[in-house]
Amino acid sequence: MKKLLYFTAIAAALLAVSSCKEKPIDQPDVLPAPANAAYAKKMVLATSDLNIKSIEFTEGGRYIVAFLEVENFSAAPTKAVGGNLSYLTGIYTVSGNTYKLQGFGTVTIDGNTVTINPDNGPQIQTTFSDATENPGGDIYTTVARTWKVDNSRITVNADGHTVSVTKAGCDLPSVAAELVGKGVKINPDRVAGYVVKEVIFTKSKTFSVTFTGAEAFVGEFDLKADNTFSYDFEGNSGNDFFNASSNGSVNYVAEDQQLVFSVSAVLKNVDNTKTYSGTVTMYLSEVK
């Protein structure tokens, strides 16, 4: 009888393991809330003093300040190419109701009043409307973080051939050079300096890609229940791999602890006489 119980226990354990492995790994798991989730907020200012339209504090510990015009603060705003807004992004910390924005200054919130004190510039006090969103669905809870690129795969359909490049990180100049070496006639100058540093999603549906050697792209995104994804950047006319708008998908792979982010791309050939369709896929891990 003891042997029968023993073998029954083993069978049950094996069945449990088998059931775990059969779980679809591309379905989003609800991750623990990021450390800064409680401080996440998006404010649209009532006045345009300092030329600031909005300030957002992300779940992943980053701030995004949207300017109506470029201002000369201690760290120059990162512009959205060709757009009507300019942006300053960076890391923030919180003490009480005051946010310290690295490279900018401080922002203190009291009710619906905000006091902005730049490192270089006059202090202002104004009111704001709260534009913070909290869309339902586990997928938003999963993706609303700051991510770094572990590796990437870019696939291009050019002149009847499909060419793929896989790289550590997401170094677009290096990708472009390798594509050219494989016979894809694109212009590498259109991605000069675009090495992806971070990818940011927020529950307020802000999407940002920051680079180590070029201006950040900032815009809005929408995420459906089936994990299909679309975005529109403010501007961005100068980068083929991240077009001004695109569609794709986002999935969290639990066993690898990676977010798989994939969007369509349209690449121009070297003399702008034709375009090639492509896909940019990035495998992301959370920045903690």
C-alpha atoms as a PDB file:
ATOM      1  CA  MET A   1       0.000   0.000   0.000  1.00  0.00           C
ATOM      2  CA  LYS A   2       2.842   2.374   0.841  1.00  0.00           C
ATOM      3  CA  LYS A   3       4.450   1.686  -2.546  1.00  0.00           C
ATOM      4  CA  LEU A   4       1.173   2.456  -4.313  1.00  0.00           C
ATOM      5  CA  LEU A   5       0.869   5.778  -2.464  1.00  0.00           C
ATOM      6  CA  TYR A   6       4.488   6.588  -3.265  1.00  0.00           C
ATOM      7  CA  PHE A   7       4.077   5.992  -6.988  1.00  0.00           C
ATOM      8  CA  THR A   8       0.784   7.889  -6.985  1.00  0.00           C
ATOM      9  CA  ALA A   9       2.572  10.902  -5.474  1.00  0.00           C
ATOM     10  CA  ILE A  10       5.293  10.757  -8.130  1.00  0.00           C
ATOM     11  CA  ALA A  11       2.703  10.583 -10.905  1.00  0.00           C
ATOM     12  CA  ALA A  12       0.879  13.571  -9.494  1.00  0.00           C
ATOM     13  CA  ALA A  13       4.129  15.562  -9.321  1.00  0.00           C
ATOM     14  CA  LEU A  14       5.013  14.704 -12.917  1.00  0.00           C
ATOM     15  CA  LEU A  15       1.526  15.702 -14.034  1.00  0.00           C
ATOM     16  CA  ALA A  16       1.892  19.044 -12.272  1.00  0.00           C
ATOM     17  CA  VAL A  17       5.245  19.713 -13.966  1.00  0.00           C
ATOM     18  CA  SER A  18       3.811  18.723 -17.335  1.00  0.00           C
ATOM     19  CA  SER A  19       0.843  21.048 -16.837  1.00  0.00           C
ATOM     20  CA  CYS A  20       3.173  23.971 -16.055  1.00  0.00           C
ATOM     21  CA  LYS A  21       5.185  23.422 -19.192  1.00  0.00           C
ATOM     22  CA  GLU A  22       2.066  23.259 -21.312  1.00  0.00           C
ATOM     23  CA  LYS A  23       0.992  26.755 -20.222  1.00  0.00           C
ATOM     24  CA  PRO A  24       1.301  29.150 -23.208  1.00  0.00           C
ATOM     25  CA  ILE A  25       4.443  31.127 -22.435  1.00  0.00           C
ATOM     26  CA  ASP A  26       3.424  34.024 -24.657  1.00  0.00           C
ATOM     27  CA  GLN A  27       0.490  34.947 -22.421  1.00  0.00           C
ATOM     28  CA  PRO A  28       1.129  37.920 -20.125  1.00  0.00           C
ATOM     29  CA  ASP A  29       1.765  37.169 -16.466  1.00  0.00           C
ATOM     30  CA  VAL A  30       1.027  39.848 -13.905  1.00  0.00           C
ATOM     31  CA  LEU A  31       4.434  40.918 -12.612  1.00  0.00           C
ATOM     32  CA  PRO A  32       5.017  42.571  -9.236  1.00  0.00           C
ATOM     33  CA  ALA A  33       4.412  46.306  -9.438  1.00  0.00           C
ATOM     34  CA  PRO A  34       7.518  48.335 -10.341  1.00  0.00           C
ATOM     35  CA  ALA A  35       9.147  50.204  -7.467  1.00  0.00           C
ATOM     36  CA  ASN A  36       7.809  53.558  -8.686  1.00  0.00           C
ATOM     37  CA  ALA A  37       4.284  52.447  -9.555  1.00  0.00           C
ATOM     38  CA  ALA A  38       2.792  54.436  -6.644  1.00  0.00           C
ATOM     39  CA  TYR A  39       4.381  57.653  -7.989  1.00  0.00           C
ATOM     40  CA  ALA A  40       3.229  57.251 -11.600  1.00  0.00           C
ATOM     41  CA  LYS A  41       1.375  60.348 -12.764  1.00  0.00           C
ATOM     42  CA  LYS A  42       0.744  62.418 -15.873  1.00  0.00           C
ATOM     43  CA  MET A  43      -0.029  66.115 -15.510  1.00  0.00           C
ATOM     44  CA  VAL A  44      -1.177  68.549 -18.200  1.00  0.00           C
ATOM     45  CA  LEU A  45      -0.305  72.062 -17.023  1.00  0.00           C
ATOM     46  CA  ALA A  46      -2.874  74.846 -17.007  1.00  0.00           C
ATOM     47  CA  THR A  47      -0.350  77.472 -18.145  1.00  0.00           C
ATOM     48  CA  SER A  48       2.465  77.357 -20.673  1.00  0.00           C
ATOM     49  CA  ASP A  49       5.052  79.074 -18.474  1.00  0.00           C
ATOM     50  CA  LEU A  50       8.476  77.528 -19.177  1.00  0.00           C
ATOM     51  CA  ASN A  51       6.814  76.290 -22.389  1.00  0.00           C
ATOM     52  CA  ILE A  52       5.953  73.030 -20.630  1.00  0.00           C
ATOM     53  CA  LYS A  53       2.830  71.240 -21.819  1.00  0.00           C
ATOM     54  CA  SER A  54       2.929  68.140 -19.626  1.00  0.00           C
ATOM     55  CA  ILE A  55       5.011  66.191 -17.135  1.00  0.00           C
ATOM     56  CA  GLU A  56       4.764  62.436 -16.703  1.00  0.00           C
ATOM     57  CA  PHE A  57       6.323  60.244 -14.031  1.00  0.00           C
ATOM     58  CA  THR A  58       6.441  56.652 -15.235  1.00  0.00           C
ATOM     59  CA  GLU A  59       5.978  53.402 -13.341  1.00  0.00           C
ATOM     60  CA  GLY A  60       9.551  52.524 -14.285  1.00  0.00           C
ATOM     61  CA  GLY A  61      11.204  55.516 -12.558  1.00  0.00           C
ATOM     62  CA  ARG A  62      11.555  57.819 -15.568  1.00  0.00           C
ATOM     63  CA  TYR A  63      10.170  61.295 -16.203  1.00  0.00           C
ATOM     64  CA  ILE A  64       9.019  62.709 -19.523  1.00  0.00           C
ATOM     65  CA  VAL A  65       8.633  66.492 -19.834  1.00  0.00           C
ATOM     66  CA  ALA A  66       6.881  67.668 -23.013  1.00  0.00           C
ATOM     67  CA  PHE A  67       7.859  71.176 -24.182  1.00  0.00           C
ATOM     68  CA  LEU A  68       6.006  73.403 -26.609  1.00  0.00           C
ATOM     69  CA  GLU A  69       9.399  74.876 -27.542  1.00  0.00           C
ATOM     70  CA  VAL A  70      12.993  73.927 -26.794  1.00  0.00           C
ATOM     71  CA  GLU A  71      14.333  75.480 -23.596  1.00  0.00           C
ATOM     72  CA  ASN A  72      17.988  75.697 -22.569  1.00  0.00           C
ATOM     73  CA  PHE A  73      17.994  73.802 -19.273  1.00  0.00           C
ATOM     74  CA  SER A  74      20.953  72.005 -17.741  1.00  0.00           C
ATOM     75  CA  ALA A  75      20.283  69.012 -19.988  1.00  0.00           C
ATOM     76  CA  ALA A  76      18.947  69.894 -23.432  1.00  0.00           C
ATOM     77  CA  PRO A  77      15.496  68.437 -24.193  1.00  0.00           C
ATOM     78  CA  THR A  78      15.479  65.454 -26.492  1.00  0.00           C
ATOM     79  CA  LYS A  79      13.432  66.512 -29.498  1.00  0.00           C
ATOM     80  CA  ALA A  80      10.961  64.408 -31.379  1.00  0.00           C
ATOM     81  CA  VAL A  81      12.205  64.889 -34.919  1.00  0.00           C
ATOM     82  CA  GLY A  82       9.780  66.865 -37.083  1.00  0.00           C
ATOM     83  CA  GLY A  83       7.163  67.134 -34.370  1.00  0.00           C
ATOM     84  CA  ASN A  84       5.483  70.009 -32.591  1.00  0.00           C
ATOM     85  CA  LEU A  85       6.770  69.006 -29.163  1.00  0.00           C
ATOM     86  CA  SER A  86      10.200  68.500 -27.644  1.00  0.00           C
ATOM     87  CA  TYR A  87      10.975  66.190 -24.761  1.00  0.00           C
ATOM     88  CA  LEU A  88      13.303  65.864 -21.812  1.00  0.00           C
ATOM     89  CA  THR A  89      13.598  62.399 -20.312  1.00  0.00           C
ATOM     90  CA  GLY A  90      15.571  61.028 -17.405  1.00  0.00           C
ATOM     91  CA  ILE A  91      15.499  59.394 -13.982  1.00  0.00           C
ATOM     92  CA  TYR A  92      13.466  60.720 -11.065  1.00  0.00           C
ATOM     93  CA  THR A  93      13.479  60.095  -7.317  1.00  0.00           C
ATOM     94  CA  VAL A  94      10.837  61.064  -4.764  1.00  0.00           C
ATOM     95  CA  SER A  95      11.000  62.598  -1.296  1.00  0.00           C
ATOM     96  CA  GLY A  96       7.597  63.303   0.231  1.00  0.00           C
ATOM     97  CA  ASN A  97       5.601  65.152  -2.432  1.00  0.00           C
ATOM     98  CA  THR A  98       8.693  66.424  -4.254  1.00  0.00           C
ATOM     99  CA  TYR A  99      10.082  64.736  -7.351  1.00  0.00           C
ATOM    100  CA  LYS A 100      13.761  65.242  -8.164  1.00  0.00           C
ATOM    101  CA  LEU A 101      14.265  65.124 -11.941  1.00  0.00           C
ATOM    102  CA  GLN A 102      17.847  64.322 -12.906  1.00  0.00           C
ATOM    103  CA  GLY A 103      19.054  66.944 -15.406  1.00  0.00           C
ATOM    104  CA  PHE A 104      16.092  69.258 -14.875  1.00  0.00           C
ATOM    105  CA  GLY A 105      15.221  70.276 -11.292  1.00  0.00           C
ATOM    106  CA  THR A 106      12.377  69.579  -8.880  1.00  0.00           C
ATOM    107  CA  VAL A 107       8.608  69.272  -9.149  1.00  0.00           C
ATOM    108  CA  THR A 108       6.445  69.539  -6.026  1.00  0.00           C
ATOM    109  CA  ILE A 109       2.792  68.494  -6.094  1.00  0.00           C
ATOM    110  CA  ASP A 110       0.231  69.797  -3.597  1.00  0.00           C
ATOM    111  CA  GLY A 111      -3.316  68.781  -4.508  1.00  0.00           C
ATOM    112  CA  ASN A 112      -3.815  70.000  -8.066  1.00  0.00           C
ATOM    113  CA  THR A 113      -1.113  72.655  -7.704  1.00  0.00           C
ATOM    114  CA  VAL A 114       2.401  72.018  -8.980  1.00  0.00           C
ATOM    115  CA  THR A 115       5.567  74.017  -8.278  1.00  0.00           C
ATOM    116  CA  ILE A 116       8.318  73.596 -10.870  1.00  0.00           C
ATOM    117  CA  ASN A 117      11.817  74.692  -9.927  1.00  0.00           C
ATOM    118  CA  PRO A 118      14.300  74.095 -12.796  1.00  0.00           C
ATOM    119  CA  ASP A 119      18.033  73.967 -12.133  1.00  0.00           C
ATOM    120  CA  ASN A 120      18.420  76.721 -14.738  1.00  0.00           C
ATOM    121  CA  GLY A 121      15.309  78.853 -15.048  1.00  0.00           C
ATOM    122  CA  PRO A 122      12.626  80.626 -13.038  1.00  0.00           C
ATOM    123  CA  GLN A 123      10.385  78.819 -10.580  1.00  0.00           C
ATOM    124  CA  ILE A 124       6.712  78.658 -11.524  1.00  0.00           C
ATOM    125  CA  GLN A 125       3.565  77.539  -9.764  1.00  0.00           C
ATOM    126  CA  THR A 126       0.451  76.502 -11.645  1.00  0.00           C
ATOM    127  CA  THR A 127      -2.430  74.055 -11.591  1.00  0.00           C
ATOM    128  CA  PHE A 128      -2.758  70.940 -13.676  1.00  0.00           C
ATOM    129  CA  SER A 129      -5.305  68.469 -14.925  1.00  0.00           C
ATOM    130  CA  ASP A 130      -4.629  64.842 -14.083  1.00  0.00           C
ATOM    131  CA  ALA A 131      -4.197  62.837 -17.292  1.00  0.00           C
ATOM    132  CA  THR A 132      -3.091  59.656 -15.509  1.00  0.00           C
ATOM    133  CA  GLU A 133      -4.736  56.546 -16.904  1.00  0.00           C
ATOM    134  CA  ASN A 134      -5.160  53.092 -15.446  1.00  0.00           C
ATOM    135  CA  PRO A 135      -6.501  50.882 -18.241  1.00  0.00           C
ATOM    136  CA  GLY A 136      -7.766  47.483 -17.267  1.00  0.00           C
ATOM    137  CA  GLY A 137      -6.091  44.262 -18.257  1.00  0.00           C
ATOM    138  CA  ASP A 138      -3.071  42.382 -16.984  1.00  0.00           C
ATOM    139  CA  ILE A 139      -1.026  43.212 -20.071  1.00  0.00           C
ATOM    140  CA  TYR A 140      -0.854  46.934 -19.207  1.00  0.00           C
ATOM    141  CA  THR A 141       0.283  46.039 -15.687  1.00  0.00           C
ATOM    142  CA  THR A 142       2.985  43.859 -17.235  1.00  0.00           C
ATOM    143  CA  VAL A 143       4.351  46.240 -19.864  1.00  0.00           C
ATOM    144  CA  ALA A 144       4.164  49.572 -17.952  1.00  0.00           C
ATOM    145  CA  ARG A 145       7.841  49.642 -17.000  1.00  0.00           C
ATOM    146  CA  THR A 146      11.280  50.686 -18.226  1.00  0.00           C
ATOM    147  CA  TRP A 147      13.021  48.022 -20.313  1.00  0.00           C
ATOM    148  CA  LYS A 148      16.499  47.459 -21.728  1.00  0.00           C
ATOM    149  CA  VAL A 149      17.199  45.564 -24.938  1.00  0.00           C
ATOM    150  CA  ASP A 150      18.894  42.208 -24.436  1.00  0.00           C
ATOM    151  CA  ASN A 151      18.966  41.370 -28.130  1.00  0.00           C
ATOM    152  CA  SER A 152      17.110  42.187 -31.317  1.00  0.00           C
ATOM    153  CA  ARG A 153      16.264  40.717 -34.686  1.00  0.00           C
ATOM    154  CA  ILE A 154      15.568  42.823 -37.757  1.00  0.00           C
ATOM    155  CA  THR A 155      14.091  41.153 -40.844  1.00  0.00           C
ATOM    156  CA  VAL A 156      13.795  42.899 -44.225  1.00  0.00           C
ATOM    157  CA  ASN A 157      12.036  41.747 -47.383  1.00  0.00           C
ATOM    158  CA  ALA A 158      14.091  43.248 -50.207  1.00  0.00           C
ATOM    159  CA  ASP A 159      14.124  42.481 -53.931  1.00  0.00           C
ATOM    160  CA  GLY A 160      12.526  39.069 -53.529  1.00  0.00           C
ATOM    161  CA  HIS A 161      14.739  37.994 -50.638  1.00  0.00           C
ATOM    162  CA  THR A 162      14.224  37.887 -46.874  1.00  0.00           C
ATOM    163  CA  VAL A 163      17.294  38.997 -44.923  1.00  0.00           C
ATOM    164  CA  SER A 164      17.617  38.852 -41.131  1.00  0.00           C
ATOM    165  CA  VAL A 165      20.150  40.307 -38.715  1.00  0.00           C
ATOM    166  CA  THR A 166      20.355  39.330 -35.031  1.00  0.00           C
ATOM    167  CA  LYS A 167      22.355  41.453 -32.605  1.00  0.00           C
ATOM    168  CA  ALA A 168      23.003  41.871 -28.916  1.00  0.00           C
ATOM    169  CA  GLY A 169      21.194  45.023 -27.828  1.00  0.00           C
ATOM    170  CA  CYS A 170      19.722  47.097 -30.652  1.00  0.00           C
ATOM    171  CA  ASP A 171      22.514  48.952 -32.472  1.00  0.00           C
ATOM    172  CA  LEU A 172      20.709  50.197 -35.570  1.00  0.00           C
ATOM    173  CA  PRO A 173      23.822  51.567 -37.372  1.00  0.00           C
ATOM    174  CA  SER A 174      25.452  48.158 -36.975  1.00  0.00           C
ATOM    175  CA  VAL A 175      22.271  46.432 -38.161  1.00  0.00           C
ATOM    176  CA  ALA A 176      22.065  48.720 -41.201  1.00  0.00           C
ATOM    177  CA  ALA A 177      25.700  48.078 -42.100  1.00  0.00           C
ATOM    178  CA  GLU A 178      25.170  44.317 -41.925  1.00  0.00           C
ATOM    179  CA  LEU A 179      22.023  44.554 -44.044  1.00  0.00           C
ATOM    180  CA  VAL A 180      23.960  46.521 -46.662  1.00  0.00           C
ATOM    181  CA  GLY A 181      26.679  43.863 -46.533  1.00  0.00           C
ATOM    182  CA  LYS A 182      24.004  41.265 -47.290  1.00  0.00           C
ATOM    183  CA  GLY A 183      22.851  43.190 -50.351  1.00  0.00           C
ATOM    184  CA  VAL A 184      19.957  45.241 -48.946  1.00  0.00           C
ATOM    185  CA  LYS A 185      20.299  48.639 -50.616  1.00  0.00           C
ATOM    186  CA  ILE A 186      19.278  50.938 -47.735  1.00  0.00           C
ATOM    187  CA  ASN A 187      20.890  54.161 -46.593  1.00  0.00           C
ATOM    188  CA  PRO A 188      22.728  53.604 -43.263  1.00  0.00           C
ATOM    189  CA  ASP A 189      22.890  57.383 -42.720  1.00  0.00           C
ATOM    190  CA  ARG A 190      19.195  57.369 -41.834  1.00  0.00           C
ATOM    191  CA  VAL A 191      19.939  55.500 -38.604  1.00  0.00           C
ATOM    192  CA  ALA A 192      23.318  57.015 -37.693  1.00  0.00           C
ATOM    193  CA  GLY A 193      23.634  57.258 -33.898  1.00  0.00           C
ATOM    194  CA  TYR A 194      20.475  55.308 -33.133  1.00  0.00           C
ATOM    195  CA  VAL A 195      21.597  52.771 -30.533  1.00  0.00           C
ATOM    196  CA  VAL A 196      18.575  51.916 -28.378  1.00  0.00           C
ATOM    197  CA  LYS A 197      19.133  52.612 -24.691  1.00  0.00           C
ATOM    198  CA  GLU A 198      15.710  52.062 -23.115  1.00  0.00           C
ATOM    199  CA  VAL A 199      12.129  51.361 -24.080  1.00  0.00           C
ATOM    200  CA  ILE A 200       9.456  52.897 -21.852  1.00  0.00           C
ATOM    201  CA  PHE A 201       5.752  52.084 -21.623  1.00  0.00           C
ATOM    202  CA  THR A 202       3.320  53.673 -19.164  1.00  0.00           C
ATOM    203  CA  LYS A 203      -0.256  52.968 -18.122  1.00  0.00           C
ATOM    204  CA  SER A 204      -1.095  56.445 -19.408  1.00  0.00           C
ATOM    205  CA  LYS A 205      -0.270  54.970 -22.836  1.00  0.00           C
ATOM    206  CA  THR A 206       2.992  56.828 -23.371  1.00  0.00           C
ATOM    207  CA  PHE A 207       5.616  55.001 -25.439  1.00  0.00           C
ATOM    208  CA  SER A 208       9.223  56.191 -25.610  1.00  0.00           C
ATOM    209  CA  VAL A 209      12.406  54.840 -27.150  1.00  0.00           C
ATOM    210  CA  THR A 210      15.600  56.490 -25.921  1.00  0.00           C
ATOM    211  CA  PHE A 211      18.971  56.217 -27.650  1.00  0.00           C
ATOM    212  CA  THR A 212      22.591  56.582 -26.536  1.00  0.00           C
ATOM    213  CA  GLY A 213      23.562  58.775 -29.485  1.00  0.00           C
ATOM    214  CA  ALA A 214      20.411  60.421 -30.817  1.00  0.00           C
ATOM    215  CA  GLU A 215      17.187  62.142 -29.841  1.00  0.00           C
ATOM    216  CA  ALA A 216      14.470  60.137 -28.116  1.00  0.00           C
ATOM    217  CA  PHE A 217      11.182  59.228 -29.769  1.00  0.00           C
ATOM    218  CA  VAL A 218       8.056  59.799 -27.679  1.00  0.00           C
ATOM    219  CA  GLY A 219       4.446  59.117 -28.556  1.00  0.00           C
ATOM    220  CA  GLU A 220       1.336  57.185 -27.646  1.00  0.00           C
ATOM    221  CA  PHE A 221       0.489  53.511 -27.909  1.00  0.00           C
ATOM    222  CA  ASP A 222      -2.566  51.301 -27.752  1.00  0.00           C
ATOM    223  CA  LEU A 223      -2.659  47.701 -26.622  1.00  0.00           C
ATOM    224  CA  LYS A 224      -5.488  45.284 -27.322  1.00  0.00           C
ATOM    225  CA  ALA A 225      -6.589  42.214 -25.360  1.00  0.00           C
ATOM    226  CA  ASP A 226      -4.944  39.952 -27.964  1.00  0.00           C
ATOM    227  CA  ASN A 227      -1.587  41.738 -27.364  1.00  0.00           C
ATOM    228  CA  THR A 228      -1.640  43.528 -30.711  1.00  0.00           C
ATOM    229  CA  PHE A 229       0.082  46.878 -30.460  1.00  0.00           C
ATOM    230  CA  SER A 230       0.091  50.181 -32.330  1.00  0.00           C
ATOM    231  CA  TYR A 231       1.916  53.455 -31.771  1.00  0.00           C
ATOM    232  CA  ASP A 232       2.183  56.993 -33.112  1.00  0.00           C
ATOM    233  CA  PHE A 233       5.289  59.049 -32.415  1.00  0.00           C
ATOM    234  CA  GLU A 234       5.342  62.840 -32.226  1.00  0.00           C
ATOM    235  CA  GLY A 235       7.294  63.456 -35.410  1.00  0.00           C
ATOM    236  CA  ASN A 236      10.044  60.938 -36.198  1.00  0.00           C
ATOM    237  CA  SER A 237      10.598  61.309 -39.917  1.00  0.00           C
ATOM    238  CA  GLY A 238      14.255  60.344 -39.927  1.00  0.00           C
ATOM    239  CA  ASN A 239      14.447  56.738 -38.762  1.00  0.00           C
ATOM    240  CA  ASP A 240      13.325  53.859 -40.952  1.00  0.00           C
ATOM    241  CA  PHE A 241      13.401  51.172 -38.280  1.00  0.00           C
ATOM    242  CA  PHE A 242      10.985  53.100 -36.036  1.00  0.00           C
ATOM    243  CA  ASN A 243       8.527  54.765 -38.382  1.00  0.00           C
ATOM    244  CA  ALA A 244       6.292  57.631 -37.290  1.00  0.00           C
ATOM    245  CA  SER A 245       3.566  55.066 -36.666  1.00  0.00           C
ATOM    246  CA  SER A 246       3.432  51.307 -36.777  1.00  0.00           C
ATOM    247  CA  ASN A 247       1.644  48.141 -35.684  1.00  0.00           C
ATOM    248  CA  GLY A 248       2.916  45.012 -34.032  1.00  0.00           C
ATOM    249  CA  SER A 249       2.618  42.917 -30.908  1.00  0.00           C
ATOM    250  CA  VAL A 250       3.863  42.730 -27.332  1.00  0.00           C
ATOM    251  CA  ASN A 251       4.137  39.489 -25.328  1.00  0.00           C
ATOM    252  CA  TYR A 252       5.727  38.674 -21.991  1.00  0.00           C
ATOM    253  CA  VAL A 253       7.583  35.337 -21.902  1.00  0.00           C
ATOM    254  CA  ALA A 254       7.429  34.340 -18.246  1.00  0.00           C
ATOM    255  CA  GLU A 255      10.092  31.638 -18.217  1.00  0.00           C
ATOM    256  CA  ASP A 256      12.630  33.971 -19.864  1.00  0.00           C
ATOM    257  CA  GLN A 257      11.416  37.072 -17.979  1.00  0.00           C
ATOM    258  CA  GLN A 258      11.486  38.980 -21.261  1.00  0.00           C
ATOM    259  CA  LEU A 259       9.077  41.241 -23.075  1.00  0.00           C
ATOM    260  CA  VAL A 260       9.032  40.461 -26.792  1.00  0.00           C
ATOM    261  CA  PHE A 261       8.188  43.632 -28.693  1.00  0.00           C
ATOM    262  CA  SER A 262       7.743  43.491 -32.457  1.00  0.00           C
ATOM    263  CA  VAL A 263       6.667  46.195 -34.925  1.00  0.00           C
ATOM    264  CA  SER A 264       6.550  46.644 -38.679  1.00  0.00           C
ATOM    265  CA  ALA A 265       9.061  48.875 -40.443  1.00  0.00           C
ATOM    266  CA  VAL A 266       9.249  50.475 -43.875  1.00  0.00           C
ATOM    267  CA  LEU A 267      12.807  51.094 -45.086  1.00  0.00           C
ATOM    268  CA  LYS A 268      13.726  53.327 -47.989  1.00  0.00           C
ATOM    269  CA  ASN A 269      16.398  52.216 -50.416  1.00  0.00           C
ATOM    270  CA  VAL A 270      19.551  54.236 -50.879  1.00  0.00           C
ATOM    271  CA  ASP A 271      18.190  56.543 -53.595  1.00  0.00           C
ATOM    272  CA  ASN A 272      14.610  56.740 -52.226  1.00  0.00           C
ATOM    273  CA  THR A 273      13.153  55.098 -55.350  1.00  0.00           C
ATOM    274  CA  LYS A 274      11.538  52.170 -53.503  1.00  0.00           C
ATOM    275  CA  THR A 275      10.727  50.885 -50.040  1.00  0.00           C
ATOM    276  CA  TYR A 276      11.261  47.563 -48.318  1.00  0.00           C
ATOM    277  CA  SER A 277       8.994  46.040 -45.695  1.00  0.00           C
ATOM    278  CA  GLY A 278      10.561  44.783 -42.507  1.00  0.00           C
ATOM    279  CA  THR A 279      10.066  43.802 -38.884  1.00  0.00           C
ATOM    280  CA  VAL A 280      11.918  44.991 -35.793  1.00  0.00           C
ATOM    281  CA  THR A 281      11.764  42.569 -32.852  1.00  0.00           C
ATOM    282  CA  MET A 282      13.366  43.380 -29.514  1.00  0.00           C
ATOM    283  CA  TYR A 283      13.759  41.082 -26.521  1.00  0.00           C
ATOM    284  CA  LEU A 284      13.561  43.256 -23.432  1.00  0.00           C
ATOM    285  CA  SER A 285      14.265  42.781 -19.734  1.00  0.00           C
ATOM    286  CA  GLU A 286      13.070  45.097 -16.993  1.00  0.00           C
ATOM    287  CA  VAL A 287      15.333  47.835 -15.656  1.00  0.00           C
ATOM    288  CA  LYS A 288      15.076  47.667 -11.859  1.00  0.00           C
END
